[in-house]
Amino acid sequence: MKVHNVEMVMSAVRPEQYPDDGLPEFALAGRSNVGKSSFINKMLGRKSIARTSSKPGKTQTLNFYKIEEQLFFVDVPGYGYAKVSKTEKEKWGGMIERYLTGREHLRAAVQIVDIRHAPSKDDINMYNFFVHYNIPTIVIATKADKIPRGKWDKHKKIVRQTLNMLGDDPLYIFSSEKGIGVEEVWAEIESRMQPADEE
């Protein structure tokens, strides 16, 4: 997809605040410091529409980015960040769970992991949550520019095995620095924009 028009239309914490455009939505999930904002910026061809921060745990709302009047990226708060209070974590958890389990326009979750390391316990829990609720998941192994290309397959295998990924959930290599994987991920997202029963 060639992205010309994109806007962050709202930050929501409750269902009544979600947009009512009826467009397909893709939820972006990942650990607090995994590079989710960089992924969004790269996919949208913008330098800083999603704020990257040296302080993990900055995103505390569901941020809806409308793209080409055709779909939404929904940035959810990063998980696994220790310095957030337990109460705050529970509040975010409820907000995220409500959105992910009750949103009819959600077409897939895009889970971002760091290709350099085996997925963390939080990554595994998040993936299992998607599986439990039958949410189709696209896994993105980012920071691919940080390891030699010859080791990508080995690291992909570690990600797939550690998450115990379902056979039909795709896994893409990505680099926000080098633009690796942008076209492939867009093709995957575009292929999922219709509701399952209309495909």
C-alpha atoms as a PDB file:
ATOM      1  CA  MET A   1       0.000   0.000   0.000  1.00  0.00           C
ATOM      2  CA  LYS A   2       1.232   3.471  -0.870  1.00  0.00           C
ATOM      3  CA  VAL A   3       0.452   5.635   2.143  1.00  0.00           C
ATOM      4  CA  HIS A   4      -0.308   9.268   1.335  1.00  0.00           C
ATOM      5  CA  ASN A   5      -2.978  10.099   3.903  1.00  0.00           C
ATOM      6  CA  VAL A   6      -2.692   9.106   7.521  1.00  0.00           C
ATOM      7  CA  GLU A   7      -3.900  10.723  10.713  1.00  0.00           C
ATOM      8  CA  MET A   8      -3.986   9.797  14.341  1.00  0.00           C
ATOM      9  CA  VAL A   9      -7.704  10.308  14.825  1.00  0.00           C
ATOM     10  CA  MET A  10      -8.089   9.533  18.500  1.00  0.00           C
ATOM     11  CA  SER A  11      -6.793   8.066  21.723  1.00  0.00           C
ATOM     12  CA  ALA A  12      -9.429   5.941  23.404  1.00  0.00           C
ATOM     13  CA  VAL A  13      -9.739   4.121  26.710  1.00  0.00           C
ATOM     14  CA  ARG A  14     -13.394   2.969  26.496  1.00  0.00           C
ATOM     15  CA  PRO A  15     -15.485   1.274  23.772  1.00  0.00           C
ATOM     16  CA  GLU A  16     -17.784   4.284  23.381  1.00  0.00           C
ATOM     17  CA  GLN A  17     -14.735   6.318  22.313  1.00  0.00           C
ATOM     18  CA  TYR A  18     -13.722   3.968  19.485  1.00  0.00           C
ATOM     19  CA  PRO A  19     -14.218   5.260  15.934  1.00  0.00           C
ATOM     20  CA  ASP A  20     -17.460   4.246  14.235  1.00  0.00           C
ATOM     21  CA  ASP A  21     -16.221   4.303  10.617  1.00  0.00           C
ATOM     22  CA  GLY A  22     -16.590   0.516  10.307  1.00  0.00           C
ATOM     23  CA  LEU A  23     -13.119   0.201   8.738  1.00  0.00           C
ATOM     24  CA  PRO A  24     -10.955  -2.898   9.319  1.00  0.00           C
ATOM     25  CA  GLU A  25      -8.584  -2.579  12.283  1.00  0.00           C
ATOM     26  CA  PHE A  26      -5.199  -4.123  13.050  1.00  0.00           C
ATOM     27  CA  ALA A  27      -4.009  -4.061  16.667  1.00  0.00           C
ATOM     28  CA  LEU A  28      -0.266  -3.569  17.189  1.00  0.00           C
ATOM     29  CA  ALA A  29       1.119  -5.258  20.285  1.00  0.00           C
ATOM     30  CA  GLY A  30       4.631  -5.632  21.639  1.00  0.00           C
ATOM     31  CA  ARG A  31       6.880  -5.206  24.647  1.00  0.00           C
ATOM     32  CA  SER A  32       7.356  -1.616  25.741  1.00  0.00           C
ATOM     33  CA  ASN A  33      10.810  -1.210  24.218  1.00  0.00           C
ATOM     34  CA  VAL A  34      10.536  -3.462  21.159  1.00  0.00           C
ATOM     35  CA  GLY A  35      10.313  -0.708  18.546  1.00  0.00           C
ATOM     36  CA  LYS A  36       6.560  -0.569  17.948  1.00  0.00           C
ATOM     37  CA  SER A  37       6.539   3.189  17.245  1.00  0.00           C
ATOM     38  CA  SER A  38       9.410   2.782  14.783  1.00  0.00           C
ATOM     39  CA  PHE A  39       7.469  -0.017  13.061  1.00  0.00           C
ATOM     40  CA  ILE A  40       4.386   2.230  12.742  1.00  0.00           C
ATOM     41  CA  ASN A  41       6.436   5.153  11.418  1.00  0.00           C
ATOM     42  CA  LYS A  42       8.179   2.944   8.847  1.00  0.00           C
ATOM     43  CA  MET A  43       4.976   1.274   7.661  1.00  0.00           C
ATOM     44  CA  LEU A  44       3.277   4.662   7.285  1.00  0.00           C
ATOM     45  CA  GLY A  45       6.282   6.351   5.691  1.00  0.00           C
ATOM     46  CA  ARG A  46       6.345   9.052   8.373  1.00  0.00           C
ATOM     47  CA  LYS A  47       9.209  10.156  10.567  1.00  0.00           C
ATOM     48  CA  SER A  48       7.346  10.632  13.802  1.00  0.00           C
ATOM     49  CA  ILE A  49       3.577  10.140  13.615  1.00  0.00           C
ATOM     50  CA  ALA A  50       4.008   7.586  16.419  1.00  0.00           C
ATOM     51  CA  ARG A  51       6.157   9.079  19.150  1.00  0.00           C
ATOM     52  CA  THR A  52       9.222   7.025  19.888  1.00  0.00           C
ATOM     53  CA  SER A  53      10.359   7.450  23.456  1.00  0.00           C
ATOM     54  CA  SER A  54      13.404   6.497  25.460  1.00  0.00           C
ATOM     55  CA  LYS A  55      10.969   5.909  28.329  1.00  0.00           C
ATOM     56  CA  PRO A  56       9.117   2.629  27.795  1.00  0.00           C
ATOM     57  CA  GLY A  57       5.479   2.510  28.865  1.00  0.00           C
ATOM     58  CA  LYS A  58       4.613   5.903  27.353  1.00  0.00           C
ATOM     59  CA  THR A  59       1.524   4.759  25.405  1.00  0.00           C
ATOM     60  CA  GLN A  60      -1.324   4.515  27.909  1.00  0.00           C
ATOM     61  CA  THR A  61      -4.289   4.641  25.541  1.00  0.00           C
ATOM     62  CA  LEU A  62      -5.483   2.871  22.391  1.00  0.00           C
ATOM     63  CA  ASN A  63      -4.232   5.122  19.593  1.00  0.00           C
ATOM     64  CA  PHE A  64      -6.172   4.867  16.309  1.00  0.00           C
ATOM     65  CA  TYR A  65      -4.303   5.752  13.107  1.00  0.00           C
ATOM     66  CA  LYS A  66      -6.566   6.067  10.060  1.00  0.00           C
ATOM     67  CA  ILE A  67      -4.736   5.104   6.860  1.00  0.00           C
ATOM     68  CA  GLU A  68      -5.923   6.126   3.372  1.00  0.00           C
ATOM     69  CA  GLU A  69      -9.534   6.152   4.670  1.00  0.00           C
ATOM     70  CA  GLN A  70      -9.310   2.341   4.319  1.00  0.00           C
ATOM     71  CA  LEU A  71      -8.132   0.876   7.627  1.00  0.00           C
ATOM     72  CA  PHE A  72      -6.890   1.613  11.132  1.00  0.00           C
ATOM     73  CA  PHE A  73      -3.691   0.694  12.920  1.00  0.00           C
ATOM     74  CA  VAL A  74      -4.510   0.539  16.636  1.00  0.00           C
ATOM     75  CA  ASP A  75      -1.459   0.987  18.840  1.00  0.00           C
ATOM     76  CA  VAL A  76      -2.065  -0.654  22.222  1.00  0.00           C
ATOM     77  CA  PRO A  77       0.052   0.034  25.337  1.00  0.00           C
ATOM     78  CA  GLY A  78       3.297  -1.925  25.464  1.00  0.00           C
ATOM     79  CA  TYR A  79       3.351  -4.872  27.836  1.00  0.00           C
ATOM     80  CA  GLY A  80       5.950  -6.211  30.231  1.00  0.00           C
ATOM     81  CA  TYR A  81       7.197  -2.903  31.581  1.00  0.00           C
ATOM     82  CA  ALA A  82       8.139  -3.267  35.236  1.00  0.00           C
ATOM     83  CA  LYS A  83       8.021   0.363  36.379  1.00  0.00           C
ATOM     84  CA  VAL A  84       4.274   0.729  35.910  1.00  0.00           C
ATOM     85  CA  SER A  85       2.239   0.269  39.086  1.00  0.00           C
ATOM     86  CA  LYS A  86       0.165  -2.889  39.508  1.00  0.00           C
ATOM     87  CA  THR A  87      -3.060  -0.848  39.522  1.00  0.00           C
ATOM     88  CA  GLU A  88      -2.050   0.914  36.322  1.00  0.00           C
ATOM     89  CA  LYS A  89      -1.150  -2.422  34.710  1.00  0.00           C
ATOM     90  CA  GLU A  90      -4.532  -3.878  35.639  1.00  0.00           C
ATOM     91  CA  LYS A  91      -6.285  -0.815  34.253  1.00  0.00           C
ATOM     92  CA  TRP A  92      -4.401  -1.100  30.929  1.00  0.00           C
ATOM     93  CA  GLY A  93      -4.947  -4.863  30.910  1.00  0.00           C
ATOM     94  CA  GLY A  94      -8.713  -4.460  31.198  1.00  0.00           C
ATOM     95  CA  MET A  95      -8.761  -1.781  28.501  1.00  0.00           C
ATOM     96  CA  ILE A  96      -6.683  -3.877  26.093  1.00  0.00           C
ATOM     97  CA  GLU A  97      -8.642  -7.055  26.769  1.00  0.00           C
ATOM     98  CA  ARG A  98     -11.976  -5.282  26.229  1.00  0.00           C
ATOM     99  CA  TYR A  99     -10.784  -3.986  22.877  1.00  0.00           C
ATOM    100  CA  LEU A 100      -9.175  -7.202  21.632  1.00  0.00           C
ATOM    101  CA  THR A 101     -11.998  -9.537  22.638  1.00  0.00           C
ATOM    102  CA  GLY A 102     -14.976  -7.357  21.814  1.00  0.00           C
ATOM    103  CA  ARG A 103     -14.107  -5.376  18.685  1.00  0.00           C
ATOM    104  CA  GLU A 104     -15.903  -6.691  15.605  1.00  0.00           C
ATOM    105  CA  HIS A 105     -13.765  -4.632  13.192  1.00  0.00           C
ATOM    106  CA  LEU A 106     -10.519  -6.226  14.417  1.00  0.00           C
ATOM    107  CA  ARG A 107      -9.072  -8.296  11.557  1.00  0.00           C
ATOM    108  CA  ALA A 108      -5.764  -9.371  13.103  1.00  0.00           C
ATOM    109  CA  ALA A 109      -3.243  -8.652  15.809  1.00  0.00           C
ATOM    110  CA  VAL A 110       0.249  -7.653  14.722  1.00  0.00           C
ATOM    111  CA  GLN A 111       2.649  -8.834  17.434  1.00  0.00           C
ATOM    112  CA  ILE A 112       6.139  -7.343  17.326  1.00  0.00           C
ATOM    113  CA  VAL A 113       9.106  -9.210  18.797  1.00  0.00           C
ATOM    114  CA  ASP A 114      12.859  -8.582  18.740  1.00  0.00           C
ATOM    115  CA  ILE A 115      14.516 -11.061  16.359  1.00  0.00           C
ATOM    116  CA  ARG A 116      17.780 -10.930  18.322  1.00  0.00           C
ATOM    117  CA  HIS A 117      16.327 -12.649  21.383  1.00  0.00           C
ATOM    118  CA  ALA A 118      14.003 -15.548  22.041  1.00  0.00           C
ATOM    119  CA  PRO A 119      10.503 -14.197  22.816  1.00  0.00           C
ATOM    120  CA  SER A 120      10.006 -13.314  26.482  1.00  0.00           C
ATOM    121  CA  LYS A 121       7.457 -14.770  28.864  1.00  0.00           C
ATOM    122  CA  ASP A 122       5.286 -11.689  28.239  1.00  0.00           C
ATOM    123  CA  ASP A 123       5.545 -12.257  24.463  1.00  0.00           C
ATOM    124  CA  ILE A 124       4.454 -15.871  24.931  1.00  0.00           C
ATOM    125  CA  ASN A 125       1.536 -14.861  27.180  1.00  0.00           C
ATOM    126  CA  MET A 126       0.383 -12.271  24.641  1.00  0.00           C
ATOM    127  CA  TYR A 127       0.533 -14.728  21.751  1.00  0.00           C
ATOM    128  CA  ASN A 128      -1.342 -17.344  23.804  1.00  0.00           C
ATOM    129  CA  PHE A 129      -3.996 -14.725  24.562  1.00  0.00           C
ATOM    130  CA  PHE A 130      -4.521 -14.170  20.820  1.00  0.00           C
ATOM    131  CA  VAL A 131      -4.724 -17.921  20.217  1.00  0.00           C
ATOM    132  CA  HIS A 132      -7.184 -18.390  23.111  1.00  0.00           C
ATOM    133  CA  TYR A 133      -9.539 -15.765  21.672  1.00  0.00           C
ATOM    134  CA  ASN A 134      -9.088 -16.948  18.061  1.00  0.00           C
ATOM    135  CA  ILE A 135      -7.549 -13.638  16.995  1.00  0.00           C
ATOM    136  CA  PRO A 136      -5.507 -14.140  13.790  1.00  0.00           C
ATOM    137  CA  THR A 137      -1.945 -13.024  14.475  1.00  0.00           C
ATOM    138  CA  ILE A 138       0.834 -11.692  12.258  1.00  0.00           C
ATOM    139  CA  VAL A 139       4.199 -11.900  14.045  1.00  0.00           C
ATOM    140  CA  ILE A 140       6.859  -9.336  13.116  1.00  0.00           C
ATOM    141  CA  ALA A 141      10.478 -10.088  14.056  1.00  0.00           C
ATOM    142  CA  THR A 142      11.997  -6.629  13.976  1.00  0.00           C
ATOM    143  CA  LYS A 143      15.556  -5.250  14.286  1.00  0.00           C
ATOM    144  CA  ALA A 144      16.667  -7.656  11.546  1.00  0.00           C
ATOM    145  CA  ASP A 145      19.425  -5.214  10.544  1.00  0.00           C
ATOM    146  CA  LYS A 146      21.146  -5.989  13.866  1.00  0.00           C
ATOM    147  CA  ILE A 147      21.987  -9.598  12.945  1.00  0.00           C
ATOM    148  CA  PRO A 148      23.619 -11.055   9.805  1.00  0.00           C
ATOM    149  CA  ARG A 149      21.180 -12.062   7.058  1.00  0.00           C
ATOM    150  CA  GLY A 150      22.591 -15.612   7.153  1.00  0.00           C
ATOM    151  CA  LYS A 151      21.253 -16.038  10.691  1.00  0.00           C
ATOM    152  CA  TRP A 152      17.698 -14.854   9.998  1.00  0.00           C
ATOM    153  CA  ASP A 153      16.279 -18.344   9.420  1.00  0.00           C
ATOM    154  CA  LYS A 154      17.804 -19.654  12.621  1.00  0.00           C
ATOM    155  CA  HIS A 155      16.326 -16.741  14.623  1.00  0.00           C
ATOM    156  CA  LYS A 156      12.941 -17.081  12.908  1.00  0.00           C
ATOM    157  CA  LYS A 157      12.891 -20.732  13.942  1.00  0.00           C
ATOM    158  CA  ILE A 158      13.609 -19.763  17.575  1.00  0.00           C
ATOM    159  CA  VAL A 159      10.754 -17.222  17.515  1.00  0.00           C
ATOM    160  CA  ARG A 160       8.318 -19.713  15.963  1.00  0.00           C
ATOM    161  CA  GLN A 161       9.238 -22.495  18.409  1.00  0.00           C
ATOM    162  CA  THR A 162       9.321 -20.306  21.533  1.00  0.00           C
ATOM    163  CA  LEU A 163       5.888 -18.840  20.803  1.00  0.00           C
ATOM    164  CA  ASN A 164       4.676 -22.283  19.705  1.00  0.00           C
ATOM    165  CA  MET A 165       3.108 -20.523  16.728  1.00  0.00           C
ATOM    166  CA  LEU A 166       0.143 -21.946  14.887  1.00  0.00           C
ATOM    167  CA  GLY A 167       1.045 -23.162  11.418  1.00  0.00           C
ATOM    168  CA  ASP A 168      -1.036 -20.599   9.554  1.00  0.00           C
ATOM    169  CA  ASP A 169       0.101 -17.534  11.527  1.00  0.00           C
ATOM    170  CA  PRO A 170       2.751 -15.792   9.409  1.00  0.00           C
ATOM    171  CA  LEU A 171       6.126 -14.552  10.661  1.00  0.00           C
ATOM    172  CA  TYR A 172       7.914 -11.696   8.874  1.00  0.00           C
ATOM    173  CA  ILE A 173      11.439 -10.359   9.164  1.00  0.00           C
ATOM    174  CA  PHE A 174      11.425  -6.566   9.553  1.00  0.00           C
ATOM    175  CA  SER A 175      13.787  -3.646   9.992  1.00  0.00           C
ATOM    176  CA  SER A 176      12.613  -0.088  10.608  1.00  0.00           C
ATOM    177  CA  GLU A 177      16.156   1.107   9.916  1.00  0.00           C
ATOM    178  CA  LYS A 178      16.525  -0.540   6.492  1.00  0.00           C
ATOM    179  CA  GLY A 179      12.897  -0.890   5.425  1.00  0.00           C
ATOM    180  CA  ILE A 180      13.175  -4.680   5.241  1.00  0.00           C
ATOM    181  CA  GLY A 181       9.769  -6.393   5.171  1.00  0.00           C
ATOM    182  CA  VAL A 182       7.579  -3.317   4.644  1.00  0.00           C
ATOM    183  CA  GLU A 183       6.051  -4.489   1.340  1.00  0.00           C
ATOM    184  CA  GLU A 184       5.541  -8.067   2.543  1.00  0.00           C
ATOM    185  CA  VAL A 185       3.790  -6.936   5.722  1.00  0.00           C
ATOM    186  CA  TRP A 186       1.551  -4.532   3.785  1.00  0.00           C
ATOM    187  CA  ALA A 187       0.606  -7.352   1.373  1.00  0.00           C
ATOM    188  CA  GLU A 188      -0.331  -9.546   4.366  1.00  0.00           C
ATOM    189  CA  ILE A 189      -2.411  -6.794   5.976  1.00  0.00           C
ATOM    190  CA  GLU A 190      -4.198  -5.940   2.719  1.00  0.00           C
ATOM    191  CA  SER A 191      -5.069  -9.613   2.200  1.00  0.00           C
ATOM    192  CA  ARG A 192      -6.899  -9.595   5.565  1.00  0.00           C
ATOM    193  CA  MET A 193      -8.938  -6.421   5.192  1.00  0.00           C
ATOM    194  CA  GLN A 194     -12.198  -8.216   4.310  1.00  0.00           C
ATOM    195  CA  PRO A 195     -14.121  -9.961   7.077  1.00  0.00           C
ATOM    196  CA  ALA A 196     -13.450 -13.716   7.073  1.00  0.00           C
ATOM    197  CA  ASP A 197     -16.976 -14.566   5.896  1.00  0.00           C
ATOM    198  CA  GLU A 198     -16.640 -12.281   2.872  1.00  0.00           C
ATOM    199  CA  GLU A 199     -13.380 -13.704   1.601  1.00  0.00           C
END
